[in-house]
């Protein structure tokens, strides 16, 4: 449930989908793997075990399906919030919005049905 003074600023819908994503943090020069919480056309939410400062620049590799299809992009952290001990929600905005969430979701569903 949103916090009382939270105001939604997104221009695009987000779809709740969990996919593996690899992020390279230029500030700390670390590479780590996380899970998406949700995905939209111009960004996504992450569940992480580390906090990320807003404006952190990231190289992003999103594993879209089980058939080794990847999406590469640059983005930046626009917000982060602690959920509980060692668990954070992080909002990432893509530099060039080009994710197509509906086809992505359909591919993920199809790959999971075929397992």
PDB file of N, CA and C in Angstrom:
ATOM      1  N   UNK A   1       0.845  -1.176   0.000  1.00  0.00           N
ATOM      2  CA  UNK A   1       0.000   0.000   0.000  1.00  0.00           C
ATOM      3  C   UNK A   1       0.892   1.242   0.000  1.00  0.00           C
ATOM      4  N   UNK A   2       0.606   2.237  -0.856  1.00  0.00           N
ATOM      5  CA  UNK A   2       1.443   3.439  -0.906  1.00  0.00           C
ATOM      6  C   UNK A   2       1.415   4.198   0.417  1.00  0.00           C
ATOM      7  N   UNK A   3       2.538   4.848   0.674  1.00  0.00           N
ATOM      8  CA  UNK A   3       2.620   5.680   1.864  1.00  0.00           C
ATOM      9  C   UNK A   3       1.683   6.870   1.698  1.00  0.00           C
ATOM     10  N   UNK A   4       1.161   7.451   2.802  1.00  0.00           N
ATOM     11  CA  UNK A   4       0.172   8.533   2.704  1.00  0.00           C
ATOM     12  C   UNK A   4       0.631   9.735   1.880  1.00  0.00           C
ATOM     13  N   UNK A   5       1.909  10.114   1.950  1.00  0.00           N
ATOM     14  CA  UNK A   5       2.361  11.287   1.199  1.00  0.00           C
ATOM     15  C   UNK A   5       3.053  10.894  -0.111  1.00  0.00           C
ATOM     16  N   UNK A   6       2.913   9.621  -0.526  1.00  0.00           N
ATOM     17  CA  UNK A   6       3.488   9.150  -1.776  1.00  0.00           C
ATOM     18  C   UNK A   6       2.595   9.583  -2.927  1.00  0.00           C
ATOM     19  N   UNK A   7       3.209  10.167  -3.970  1.00  0.00           N
ATOM     20  CA  UNK A   7       2.453  10.575  -5.147  1.00  0.00           C
ATOM     21  C   UNK A   7       3.038   9.875  -6.361  1.00  0.00           C
ATOM     22  N   UNK A   8       2.204   9.146  -7.081  1.00  0.00           N
ATOM     23  CA  UNK A   8       2.633   8.416  -8.271  1.00  0.00           C
ATOM     24  C   UNK A   8       3.030   9.407  -9.354  1.00  0.00           C
ATOM     25  N   UNK A   9       4.263   9.242  -9.909  1.00  0.00           N
ATOM     26  CA  UNK A   9       4.760  10.157 -10.932  1.00  0.00           C
ATOM     27  C   UNK A   9       5.008   9.447 -12.266  1.00  0.00           C
ATOM     28  N   UNK A  10       4.753   8.178 -12.334  1.00  0.00           N
ATOM     29  CA  UNK A  10       5.035   7.419 -13.548  1.00  0.00           C
ATOM     30  C   UNK A  10       4.110   7.816 -14.687  1.00  0.00           C
ATOM     31  N   UNK A  11       4.688   7.876 -15.887  1.00  0.00           N
ATOM     32  CA  UNK A  11       3.897   8.165 -17.081  1.00  0.00           C
ATOM     33  C   UNK A  11       3.409   6.881 -17.743  1.00  0.00           C
ATOM     34  N   UNK A  12       4.065   5.736 -17.419  1.00  0.00           N
ATOM     35  CA  UNK A  12       3.726   4.459 -18.038  1.00  0.00           C
ATOM     36  C   UNK A  12       3.288   3.472 -16.965  1.00  0.00           C
ATOM     37  N   UNK A  13       2.384   2.580 -17.338  1.00  0.00           N
ATOM     38  CA  UNK A  13       1.956   1.516 -16.436  1.00  0.00           C
ATOM     39  C   UNK A  13       3.126   0.601 -16.096  1.00  0.00           C
ATOM     40  N   UNK A  14       3.100   0.038 -14.911  1.00  0.00           N
ATOM     41  CA  UNK A  14       4.064  -0.980 -14.515  1.00  0.00           C
ATOM     42  C   UNK A  14       3.329  -2.306 -14.400  1.00  0.00           C
ATOM     43  N   UNK A  15       3.991  -3.370 -14.817  1.00  0.00           N
ATOM     44  CA  UNK A  15       3.427  -4.708 -14.768  1.00  0.00           C
ATOM     45  C   UNK A  15       4.244  -5.541 -13.785  1.00  0.00           C
ATOM     46  N   UNK A  16       3.598  -6.187 -12.829  1.00  0.00           N
ATOM     47  CA  UNK A  16       4.341  -6.976 -11.839  1.00  0.00           C
ATOM     48  C   UNK A  16       4.900  -8.247 -12.477  1.00  0.00           C
ATOM     49  N   UNK A  17       6.191  -8.272 -12.691  1.00  0.00           N
ATOM     50  CA  UNK A  17       6.840  -9.438 -13.284  1.00  0.00           C
ATOM     51  C   UNK A  17       8.247  -9.556 -12.710  1.00  0.00           C
ATOM     52  N   UNK A  18       8.623 -10.765 -12.394  1.00  0.00           N
ATOM     53  CA  UNK A  18       9.899 -11.044 -11.759  1.00  0.00           C
ATOM     54  C   UNK A  18      10.847 -11.682 -12.772  1.00  0.00           C
ATOM     55  N   UNK A  19      11.902 -10.969 -13.121  1.00  0.00           N
ATOM     56  CA  UNK A  19      12.911 -11.465 -14.061  1.00  0.00           C
ATOM     57  C   UNK A  19      14.296 -11.198 -13.494  1.00  0.00           C
ATOM     58  N   UNK A  20      15.271 -12.032 -13.848  1.00  0.00           N
ATOM     59  CA  UNK A  20      16.638 -11.746 -13.420  1.00  0.00           C
ATOM     60  C   UNK A  20      17.191 -10.539 -14.174  1.00  0.00           C
ATOM     61  N   UNK A  21      17.907  -9.687 -13.473  1.00  0.00           N
ATOM     62  CA  UNK A  21      18.537  -8.517 -14.074  1.00  0.00           C
ATOM     63  C   UNK A  21      19.924  -8.362 -13.467  1.00  0.00           C
ATOM     64  N   UNK A  22      20.892  -8.034 -14.315  1.00  0.00           N
ATOM     65  CA  UNK A  22      22.248  -7.781 -13.853  1.00  0.00           C
ATOM     66  C   UNK A  22      22.512  -6.292 -13.995  1.00  0.00           C
ATOM     67  N   UNK A  23      23.040  -5.674 -12.948  1.00  0.00           N
ATOM     68  CA  UNK A  23      23.328  -4.243 -12.957  1.00  0.00           C
ATOM     69  C   UNK A  23      24.796  -4.009 -12.621  1.00  0.00           C
ATOM     70  N   UNK A  24      25.408  -3.134 -13.395  1.00  0.00           N
ATOM     71  CA  UNK A  24      26.762  -2.695 -13.070  1.00  0.00           C
ATOM     72  C   UNK A  24      26.662  -1.267 -12.555  1.00  0.00           C
ATOM     73  N   UNK A  25      27.074  -1.055 -11.324  1.00  0.00           N
ATOM     74  CA  UNK A  25      27.022   0.242 -10.649  1.00  0.00           C
ATOM     75  C   UNK A  25      28.350   0.958 -10.877  1.00  0.00           C
ATOM     76  N   UNK A  26      28.331   2.039 -11.667  1.00  0.00           N
ATOM     77  CA  UNK A  26      29.549   2.782 -11.971  1.00  0.00           C
ATOM     78  C   UNK A  26      30.154   3.445 -10.738  1.00  0.00           C
ATOM     79  N   UNK A  27      29.328   3.901  -9.818  1.00  0.00           N
ATOM     80  CA  UNK A  27      29.812   4.601  -8.634  1.00  0.00           C
ATOM     81  C   UNK A  27      30.663   3.681  -7.764  1.00  0.00           C
ATOM     82  N   UNK A  28      30.133   2.508  -7.463  1.00  0.00           N
ATOM     83  CA  UNK A  28      30.854   1.567  -6.593  1.00  0.00           C
ATOM     84  C   UNK A  28      31.662   0.544  -7.380  1.00  0.00           C
ATOM     85  N   UNK A  29      31.541   0.581  -8.699  1.00  0.00           N
ATOM     86  CA  UNK A  29      32.204  -0.351  -9.600  1.00  0.00           C
ATOM     87  C   UNK A  29      31.967  -1.799  -9.176  1.00  0.00           C
ATOM     88  N   UNK A  30      30.673  -2.122  -9.010  1.00  0.00           N
ATOM     89  CA  UNK A  30      30.296  -3.491  -8.676  1.00  0.00           C
ATOM     90  C   UNK A  30      29.225  -3.976  -9.650  1.00  0.00           C
ATOM     91  N   UNK A  31      29.233  -5.278  -9.866  1.00  0.00           N
ATOM     92  CA  UNK A  31      28.244  -5.930 -10.718  1.00  0.00           C
ATOM     93  C   UNK A  31      27.465  -6.888  -9.831  1.00  0.00           C
ATOM     94  N   UNK A  32      26.143  -6.854  -9.912  1.00  0.00           N
ATOM     95  CA  UNK A  32      25.328  -7.711  -9.065  1.00  0.00           C
ATOM     96  C   UNK A  32      24.070  -8.142  -9.804  1.00  0.00           C
ATOM     97  N   UNK A  33      23.523  -9.273  -9.391  1.00  0.00           N
ATOM     98  CA  UNK A  33      22.289  -9.790  -9.973  1.00  0.00           C
ATOM     99  C   UNK A  33      21.140  -9.601  -8.995  1.00  0.00           C
ATOM    100  N   UNK A  34      19.991  -9.186  -9.529  1.00  0.00           N
ATOM    101  CA  UNK A  34      18.803  -8.935  -8.729  1.00  0.00           C
ATOM    102  C   UNK A  34      17.590  -9.512  -9.445  1.00  0.00           C
ATOM    103  N   UNK A  35      16.405  -9.234  -8.905  1.00  0.00           N
ATOM    104  CA  UNK A  35      15.137  -9.607  -9.528  1.00  0.00           C
ATOM    105  C   UNK A  35      14.323  -8.335  -9.738  1.00  0.00           C
ATOM    106  N   UNK A  36      13.632  -8.261 -10.878  1.00  0.00           N
ATOM    107  CA  UNK A  36      12.727  -7.130 -11.061  1.00  0.00           C
ATOM    108  C   UNK A  36      11.502  -7.344 -10.181  1.00  0.00           C
ATOM    109  N   UNK A  37      10.913  -6.258  -9.774  1.00  0.00           N
ATOM    110  CA  UNK A  37       9.647  -6.281  -9.021  1.00  0.00           C
ATOM    111  C   UNK A  37       8.507  -5.972  -9.976  1.00  0.00           C
ATOM    112  N   UNK A  38       8.767  -5.015 -10.871  1.00  0.00           N
ATOM    113  CA  UNK A  38       7.796  -4.631 -11.892  1.00  0.00           C
ATOM    114  C   UNK A  38       8.540  -4.017 -13.066  1.00  0.00           C
ATOM    115  N   UNK A  39       7.855  -3.960 -14.221  1.00  0.00           N
ATOM    116  CA  UNK A  39       8.473  -3.463 -15.450  1.00  0.00           C
ATOM    117  C   UNK A  39       7.492  -2.566 -16.170  1.00  0.00           C
ATOM    118  N   UNK A  40       8.002  -1.463 -16.725  1.00  0.00           N
ATOM    119  CA  UNK A  40       7.219  -0.563 -17.557  1.00  0.00           C
ATOM    120  C   UNK A  40       8.031  -0.187 -18.780  1.00  0.00           C
ATOM    121  N   UNK A  41       7.492   0.634 -19.643  1.00  0.00           N
ATOM    122  CA  UNK A  41       8.167   1.001 -20.888  1.00  0.00           C
ATOM    123  C   UNK A  41       9.442   1.806 -20.655  1.00  0.00           C
ATOM    124  N   UNK A  42       9.494   2.591 -19.585  1.00  0.00           N
ATOM    125  CA  UNK A  42      10.670   3.438 -19.384  1.00  0.00           C
ATOM    126  C   UNK A  42      11.458   3.108 -18.123  1.00  0.00           C
ATOM    127  N   UNK A  43      11.162   1.969 -17.489  1.00  0.00           N
ATOM    128  CA  UNK A  43      11.930   1.608 -16.310  1.00  0.00           C
ATOM    129  C   UNK A  43      11.378   0.378 -15.624  1.00  0.00           C
ATOM    130  N   UNK A  44      11.943   0.093 -14.470  1.00  0.00           N
ATOM    131  CA  UNK A  44      11.516  -1.066 -13.698  1.00  0.00           C
ATOM    132  C   UNK A  44      11.883  -0.885 -12.243  1.00  0.00           C
ATOM    133  N   UNK A  45      11.262  -1.694 -11.417  1.00  0.00           N
ATOM    134  CA  UNK A  45      11.581  -1.727 -10.002  1.00  0.00           C
ATOM    135  C   UNK A  45      12.391  -2.962  -9.694  1.00  0.00           C
ATOM    136  N   UNK A  46      13.305  -2.838  -8.747  1.00  0.00           N
ATOM    137  CA  UNK A  46      14.152  -3.956  -8.337  1.00  0.00           C
ATOM    138  C   UNK A  46      13.912  -4.299  -6.880  1.00  0.00           C
ATOM    139  N   UNK A  47      14.184  -5.531  -6.549  1.00  0.00           N
ATOM    140  CA  UNK A  47      14.299  -5.964  -5.167  1.00  0.00           C
ATOM    141  C   UNK A  47      15.782  -6.252  -4.988  1.00  0.00           C
ATOM    142  N   UNK A  48      16.431  -5.578  -4.043  1.00  0.00           N
ATOM    143  CA  UNK A  48      17.874  -5.735  -3.854  1.00  0.00           C
ATOM    144  C   UNK A  48      18.206  -6.028  -2.392  1.00  0.00           C
ATOM    145  N   UNK A  49      19.418  -6.464  -2.196  1.00  0.00           N
ATOM    146  CA  UNK A  49      19.904  -6.661  -0.839  1.00  0.00           C
ATOM    147  C   UNK A  49      20.843  -5.533  -0.416  1.00  0.00           C
ATOM    148  N   UNK A  50      20.996  -4.520  -1.288  1.00  0.00           N
ATOM    149  CA  UNK A  50      21.857  -3.369  -1.011  1.00  0.00           C
ATOM    150  C   UNK A  50      21.115  -2.076  -1.371  1.00  0.00           C
ATOM    151  N   UNK A  51      21.365  -1.010  -0.641  1.00  0.00           N
ATOM    152  CA  UNK A  51      20.767   0.270  -1.027  1.00  0.00           C
ATOM    153  C   UNK A  51      21.510   0.867  -2.228  1.00  0.00           C
ATOM    154  N   UNK A  52      20.800   1.611  -3.037  1.00  0.00           N
ATOM    155  CA  UNK A  52      21.386   2.353  -4.155  1.00  0.00           C
ATOM    156  C   UNK A  52      21.013   3.822  -3.974  1.00  0.00           C
ATOM    157  N   UNK A  53      21.973   4.684  -4.097  1.00  0.00           N
ATOM    158  CA  UNK A  53      21.694   6.116  -3.994  1.00  0.00           C
ATOM    159  C   UNK A  53      21.006   6.602  -5.264  1.00  0.00           C
ATOM    160  N   UNK A  54      20.018   7.504  -5.142  1.00  0.00           N
ATOM    161  CA  UNK A  54      19.432   8.107  -6.342  1.00  0.00           C
ATOM    162  C   UNK A  54      20.522   8.751  -7.209  1.00  0.00           C
ATOM    163  N   UNK A  55      20.312   8.737  -8.505  1.00  0.00           N
ATOM    164  CA  UNK A  55      21.224   9.234  -9.537  1.00  0.00           C
ATOM    165  C   UNK A  55      22.399   8.303  -9.801  1.00  0.00           C
ATOM    166  N   UNK A  56      22.425   7.111  -9.199  1.00  0.00           N
ATOM    167  CA  UNK A  56      23.453   6.131  -9.516  1.00  0.00           C
ATOM    168  C   UNK A  56      23.251   5.662 -10.948  1.00  0.00           C
ATOM    169  N   UNK A  57      24.306   5.697 -11.761  1.00  0.00           N
ATOM    170  CA  UNK A  57      24.250   5.253 -13.149  1.00  0.00           C
ATOM    171  C   UNK A  57      24.478   3.748 -13.207  1.00  0.00           C
ATOM    172  N   UNK A  58      23.660   3.056 -14.002  1.00  0.00           N
ATOM    173  CA  UNK A  58      23.742   1.604 -14.103  1.00  0.00           C
ATOM    174  C   UNK A  58      23.810   1.150 -15.555  1.00  0.00           C
ATOM    175  N   UNK A  59      24.601   0.112 -15.805  1.00  0.00           N
ATOM    176  CA  UNK A  59      24.500  -0.670 -17.037  1.00  0.00           C
ATOM    177  C   UNK A  59      23.583  -1.825 -16.690  1.00  0.00           C
ATOM    178  N   UNK A  60      22.623  -2.116 -17.549  1.00  0.00           N
ATOM    179  CA  UNK A  60      21.577  -3.077 -17.223  1.00  0.00           C
ATOM    180  C   UNK A  60      21.521  -4.171 -18.279  1.00  0.00           C
ATOM    181  N   UNK A  61      21.445  -5.403 -17.810  1.00  0.00           N
ATOM    182  CA  UNK A  61      21.233  -6.553 -18.677  1.00  0.00           C
ATOM    183  C   UNK A  61      20.047  -7.310 -18.109  1.00  0.00           C
ATOM    184  N   UNK A  62      18.964  -7.347 -18.864  1.00  0.00           N
ATOM    185  CA  UNK A  62      17.733  -7.984 -18.421  1.00  0.00           C
ATOM    186  C   UNK A  62      17.557  -9.292 -19.176  1.00  0.00           C
ATOM    187  N   UNK A  63      17.477 -10.400 -18.448  1.00  0.00           N
ATOM    188  CA  UNK A  63      17.264 -11.707 -19.055  1.00  0.00           C
ATOM    189  C   UNK A  63      15.767 -11.838 -19.309  1.00  0.00           C
ATOM    190  N   UNK A  64      15.352 -11.667 -20.564  1.00  0.00           N
ATOM    191  CA  UNK A  64      13.930 -11.593 -20.887  1.00  0.00           C
ATOM    192  C   UNK A  64      13.224 -12.931 -20.913  1.00  0.00           C
ATOM    193  N   UNK A  65      13.889 -13.969 -21.333  1.00  0.00           N
ATOM    194  CA  UNK A  65      13.228 -15.272 -21.423  1.00  0.00           C
ATOM    195  C   UNK A  65      14.247 -16.375 -21.170  1.00  0.00           C
ATOM    196  N   UNK A  66      13.782 -17.594 -21.199  1.00  0.00           N
ATOM    197  CA  UNK A  66      14.677 -18.741 -21.035  1.00  0.00           C
ATOM    198  C   UNK A  66      15.441 -19.074 -22.315  1.00  0.00           C
ATOM    199  N   UNK A  67      15.162 -18.393 -23.415  1.00  0.00           N
ATOM    200  CA  UNK A  67      15.854 -18.708 -24.665  1.00  0.00           C
ATOM    201  C   UNK A  67      17.073 -17.814 -24.899  1.00  0.00           C
ATOM    202  N   UNK A  68      17.677 -17.338 -23.817  1.00  0.00           N
ATOM    203  CA  UNK A  68      18.918 -16.557 -23.848  1.00  0.00           C
ATOM    204  C   UNK A  68      18.769 -15.214 -24.560  1.00  0.00           C
ATOM    205  N   UNK A  69      17.588 -14.650 -24.549  1.00  0.00           N
ATOM    206  CA  UNK A  69      17.370 -13.325 -25.129  1.00  0.00           C
ATOM    207  C   UNK A  69      17.594 -12.285 -24.042  1.00  0.00           C
ATOM    208  N   UNK A  70      18.407 -11.283 -24.350  1.00  0.00           N
ATOM    209  CA  UNK A  70      18.739 -10.264 -23.362  1.00  0.00           C
ATOM    210  C   UNK A  70      18.383  -8.880 -23.861  1.00  0.00           C
ATOM    211  N   UNK A  71      18.218  -7.976 -22.921  1.00  0.00           N
ATOM    212  CA  UNK A  71      17.965  -6.562 -23.201  1.00  0.00           C
ATOM    213  C   UNK A  71      19.063  -5.788 -22.486  1.00  0.00           C
ATOM    214  N   UNK A  72      19.790  -4.945 -23.219  1.00  0.00           N
ATOM    215  CA  UNK A  72      20.856  -4.136 -22.637  1.00  0.00           C
ATOM    216  C   UNK A  72      20.466  -2.670 -22.681  1.00  0.00           C
ATOM    217  N   UNK A  73      20.767  -1.945 -21.615  1.00  0.00           N
ATOM    218  CA  UNK A  73      20.436  -0.521 -21.563  1.00  0.00           C
ATOM    219  C   UNK A  73      21.272   0.169 -20.489  1.00  0.00           C
ATOM    220  N   UNK A  74      21.209   1.477 -20.509  1.00  0.00           N
ATOM    221  CA  UNK A  74      21.761   2.294 -19.434  1.00  0.00           C
ATOM    222  C   UNK A  74      20.589   2.935 -18.717  1.00  0.00           C
ATOM    223  N   UNK A  75      20.762   3.156 -17.439  1.00  0.00           N
ATOM    224  CA  UNK A  75      19.698   3.772 -16.666  1.00  0.00           C
ATOM    225  C   UNK A  75      20.260   4.410 -15.415  1.00  0.00           C
ATOM    226  N   UNK A  76      19.343   4.943 -14.607  1.00  0.00           N
ATOM    227  CA  UNK A  76      19.781   5.528 -13.340  1.00  0.00           C
ATOM    228  C   UNK A  76      18.736   5.244 -12.270  1.00  0.00           C
ATOM    229  N   UNK A  77      19.217   5.178 -11.055  1.00  0.00           N
ATOM    230  CA  UNK A  77      18.339   4.980  -9.909  1.00  0.00           C
ATOM    231  C   UNK A  77      17.630   6.300  -9.642  1.00  0.00           C
ATOM    232  N   UNK A  78      16.307   6.265  -9.560  1.00  0.00           N
ATOM    233  CA  UNK A  78      15.552   7.487  -9.283  1.00  0.00           C
ATOM    234  C   UNK A  78      15.034   7.532  -7.849  1.00  0.00           C
ATOM    235  N   UNK A  79      14.928   6.359  -7.205  1.00  0.00           N
ATOM    236  CA  UNK A  79      14.544   6.319  -5.796  1.00  0.00           C
ATOM    237  C   UNK A  79      14.903   4.957  -5.223  1.00  0.00           C
ATOM    238  N   UNK A  80      15.002   4.909  -3.897  1.00  0.00           N
ATOM    239  CA  UNK A  80      15.173   3.638  -3.206  1.00  0.00           C
ATOM    240  C   UNK A  80      14.528   3.747  -1.837  1.00  0.00           C
ATOM    241  N   UNK A  81      14.048   2.600  -1.351  1.00  0.00           N
ATOM    242  CA  UNK A  81      13.362   2.576  -0.059  1.00  0.00           C
ATOM    243  C   UNK A  81      13.667   1.253   0.636  1.00  0.00           C
ATOM    244  N   UNK A  82      13.999   1.312   1.909  1.00  0.00           N
ATOM    245  CA  UNK A  82      14.217   0.097   2.688  1.00  0.00           C
ATOM    246  C   UNK A  82      12.871  -0.555   2.964  1.00  0.00           C
ATOM    247  N   UNK A  83      12.780  -1.849   2.722  1.00  0.00           N
ATOM    248  CA  UNK A  83      11.559  -2.609   2.984  1.00  0.00           C
ATOM    249  C   UNK A  83      11.664  -3.309   4.335  1.00  0.00           C
ATOM    250  N   UNK A  84      12.829  -3.880   4.594  1.00  0.00           N
ATOM    251  CA  UNK A  84      13.119  -4.564   5.850  1.00  0.00           C
ATOM    252  C   UNK A  84      14.639  -4.710   5.905  1.00  0.00           C
ATOM    253  N   UNK A  85      15.160  -5.402   6.898  1.00  0.00           N
ATOM    254  CA  UNK A  85      16.611  -5.560   7.023  1.00  0.00           C
ATOM    255  C   UNK A  85      17.184  -6.219   5.765  1.00  0.00           C
ATOM    256  N   UNK A  86      18.137  -5.553   5.153  1.00  0.00           N
ATOM    257  CA  UNK A  86      18.821  -6.055   3.953  1.00  0.00           C
ATOM    258  C   UNK A  86      17.887  -6.343   2.776  1.00  0.00           C
ATOM    259  N   UNK A  87      16.805  -5.592   2.671  1.00  0.00           N
ATOM    260  CA  UNK A  87      15.903  -5.730   1.526  1.00  0.00           C
ATOM    261  C   UNK A  87      15.425  -4.334   1.130  1.00  0.00           C
ATOM    262  N   UNK A  88      15.642  -3.981  -0.133  1.00  0.00           N
ATOM    263  CA  UNK A  88      15.326  -2.643  -0.627  1.00  0.00           C
ATOM    264  C   UNK A  88      14.519  -2.733  -1.910  1.00  0.00           C
ATOM    265  N   UNK A  89      13.650  -1.756  -2.109  1.00  0.00           N
ATOM    266  CA  UNK A  89      12.976  -1.531  -3.392  1.00  0.00           C
ATOM    267  C   UNK A  89      13.708  -0.373  -4.045  1.00  0.00           C
ATOM    268  N   UNK A  90      14.009  -0.517  -5.318  1.00  0.00           N
ATOM    269  CA  UNK A  90      14.773   0.482  -6.056  1.00  0.00           C
ATOM    270  C   UNK A  90      14.061   0.759  -7.374  1.00  0.00           C
ATOM    271  N   UNK A  91      13.868   2.032  -7.710  1.00  0.00           N
ATOM    272  CA  UNK A  91      13.267   2.416  -8.980  1.00  0.00           C
ATOM    273  C   UNK A  91      14.336   2.830  -9.965  1.00  0.00           C
ATOM    274  N   UNK A  92      14.329   2.234 -11.155  1.00  0.00           N
ATOM    275  CA  UNK A  92      15.330   2.510 -12.194  1.00  0.00           C
ATOM    276  C   UNK A  92      14.631   3.078 -13.422  1.00  0.00           C
ATOM    277  N   UNK A  93      15.137   4.196 -13.897  1.00  0.00           N
ATOM    278  CA  UNK A  93      14.627   4.818 -15.121  1.00  0.00           C
ATOM    279  C   UNK A  93      15.639   4.593 -16.237  1.00  0.00           C
ATOM    280  N   UNK A  94      15.160   4.121 -17.387  1.00  0.00           N
ATOM    281  CA  UNK A  94      16.042   3.891 -18.528  1.00  0.00           C
ATOM    282  C   UNK A  94      16.383   5.205 -19.210  1.00  0.00           C
ATOM    283  N   UNK A  95      17.637   5.311 -19.699  1.00  0.00           N
ATOM    284  CA  UNK A  95      18.043   6.520 -20.428  1.00  0.00           C
ATOM    285  C   UNK A  95      17.225   6.689 -21.695  1.00  0.00           C
ATOM    286  N   UNK A  96      17.022   5.599 -22.412  1.00  0.00           N
ATOM    287  CA  UNK A  96      16.224   5.619 -23.636  1.00  0.00           C
ATOM    288  C   UNK A  96      15.113   4.591 -23.485  1.00  0.00           C
ATOM    289  N   UNK A  97      13.915   5.047 -23.161  1.00  0.00           N
ATOM    290  CA  UNK A  97      12.815   4.084 -22.986  1.00  0.00           C
ATOM    291  C   UNK A  97      12.603   3.261 -24.246  1.00  0.00           C
ATOM    292  N   UNK A  98      12.761   1.960 -24.113  1.00  0.00           N
ATOM    293  CA  UNK A  98      12.536   1.105 -25.277  1.00  0.00           C
ATOM    294  C   UNK A  98      12.048  -0.278 -24.894  1.00  0.00           C
ATOM    295  N   UNK A  99      11.752  -0.492 -23.633  1.00  0.00           N
ATOM    296  CA  UNK A  99      11.164  -1.765 -23.233  1.00  0.00           C
ATOM    297  C   UNK A  99       9.728  -1.822 -23.738  1.00  0.00           C
ATOM    298  N   UNK A 100       9.336  -2.966 -24.240  1.00  0.00           N
ATOM    299  CA  UNK A 100       7.955  -3.170 -24.674  1.00  0.00           C
ATOM    300  C   UNK A 100       7.357  -4.191 -23.723  1.00  0.00           C
ATOM    301  N   UNK A 101       6.723  -3.723 -22.640  1.00  0.00           N
ATOM    302  CA  UNK A 101       6.322  -4.645 -21.582  1.00  0.00           C
ATOM    303  C   UNK A 101       5.315  -5.714 -21.980  1.00  0.00           C
ATOM    304  N   UNK A 102       4.360  -5.428 -22.847  1.00  0.00           N
ATOM    305  CA  UNK A 102       3.345  -6.431 -23.190  1.00  0.00           C
ATOM    306  C   UNK A 102       3.983  -7.615 -23.925  1.00  0.00           C
ATOM    307  N   UNK A 103       4.749  -7.398 -25.012  1.00  0.00           N
ATOM    308  CA  UNK A 103       5.404  -8.546 -25.653  1.00  0.00           C
ATOM    309  C   UNK A 103       6.365  -9.266 -24.699  1.00  0.00           C
ATOM    310  N   UNK A 104       7.035  -8.526 -23.851  1.00  0.00           N
ATOM    311  CA  UNK A 104       7.946  -9.118 -22.876  1.00  0.00           C
ATOM    312  C   UNK A 104       7.192 -10.048 -21.926  1.00  0.00           C
ATOM    313  N   UNK A 105       6.084  -9.589 -21.403  1.00  0.00           N
ATOM    314  CA  UNK A 105       5.281 -10.400 -20.483  1.00  0.00           C
ATOM    315  C   UNK A 105       4.766 -11.656 -21.187  1.00  0.00           C
ATOM    316  N   UNK A 106       4.306 -11.500 -22.425  1.00  0.00           N
ATOM    317  CA  UNK A 106       3.811 -12.660 -23.168  1.00  0.00           C
ATOM    318  C   UNK A 106       4.913 -13.692 -23.419  1.00  0.00           C
ATOM    319  N   UNK A 107       6.131 -13.223 -23.726  1.00  0.00           N
ATOM    320  CA  UNK A 107       7.253 -14.138 -23.915  1.00  0.00           C
ATOM    321  C   UNK A 107       7.586 -14.875 -22.622  1.00  0.00           C
ATOM    322  N   UNK A 108       7.574 -14.152 -21.527  1.00  0.00           N
ATOM    323  CA  UNK A 108       7.880 -14.773 -20.236  1.00  0.00           C
ATOM    324  C   UNK A 108       6.835 -15.819 -19.890  1.00  0.00           C
ATOM    325  N   UNK A 109       5.568 -15.473 -20.071  1.00  0.00           N
ATOM    326  CA  UNK A 109       4.492 -16.429 -19.787  1.00  0.00           C
ATOM    327  C   UNK A 109       4.642 -17.663 -20.672  1.00  0.00           C
ATOM    328  N   UNK A 110       4.899 -17.450 -21.955  1.00  0.00           N
ATOM    329  CA  UNK A 110       5.055 -18.568 -22.878  1.00  0.00           C
ATOM    330  C   UNK A 110       6.229 -19.457 -22.464  1.00  0.00           C
ATOM    331  N   UNK A 111       7.362 -18.867 -22.111  1.00  0.00           N
ATOM    332  CA  UNK A 111       8.525 -19.668 -21.727  1.00  0.00           C
ATOM    333  C   UNK A 111       8.265 -20.461 -20.456  1.00  0.00           C
ATOM    334  N   UNK A 112       7.474 -19.908 -19.542  1.00  0.00           N
ATOM    335  CA  UNK A 112       7.171 -20.613 -18.293  1.00  0.00           C
ATOM    336  C   UNK A 112       6.163 -21.725 -18.490  1.00  0.00           C
ATOM    337  N   UNK A 113       5.254 -21.572 -19.454  1.00  0.00           N
ATOM    338  CA  UNK A 113       4.280 -22.622 -19.770  1.00  0.00           C
ATOM    339  C   UNK A 113       4.986 -23.809 -20.430  1.00  0.00           C
ATOM    340  N   UNK A 114       5.999 -23.519 -21.249  1.00  0.00           N
ATOM    341  CA  UNK A 114       6.685 -24.575 -21.996  1.00  0.00           C
ATOM    342  C   UNK A 114       7.628 -25.405 -21.125  1.00  0.00           C
ATOM    343  N   UNK A 115       7.872 -25.012 -19.901  1.00  0.00           N
ATOM    344  CA  UNK A 115       8.785 -25.761 -19.023  1.00  0.00           C
ATOM    345  C   UNK A 115       8.266 -27.109 -18.675  1.00  0.00           C
TER     346      UNK A 115
END
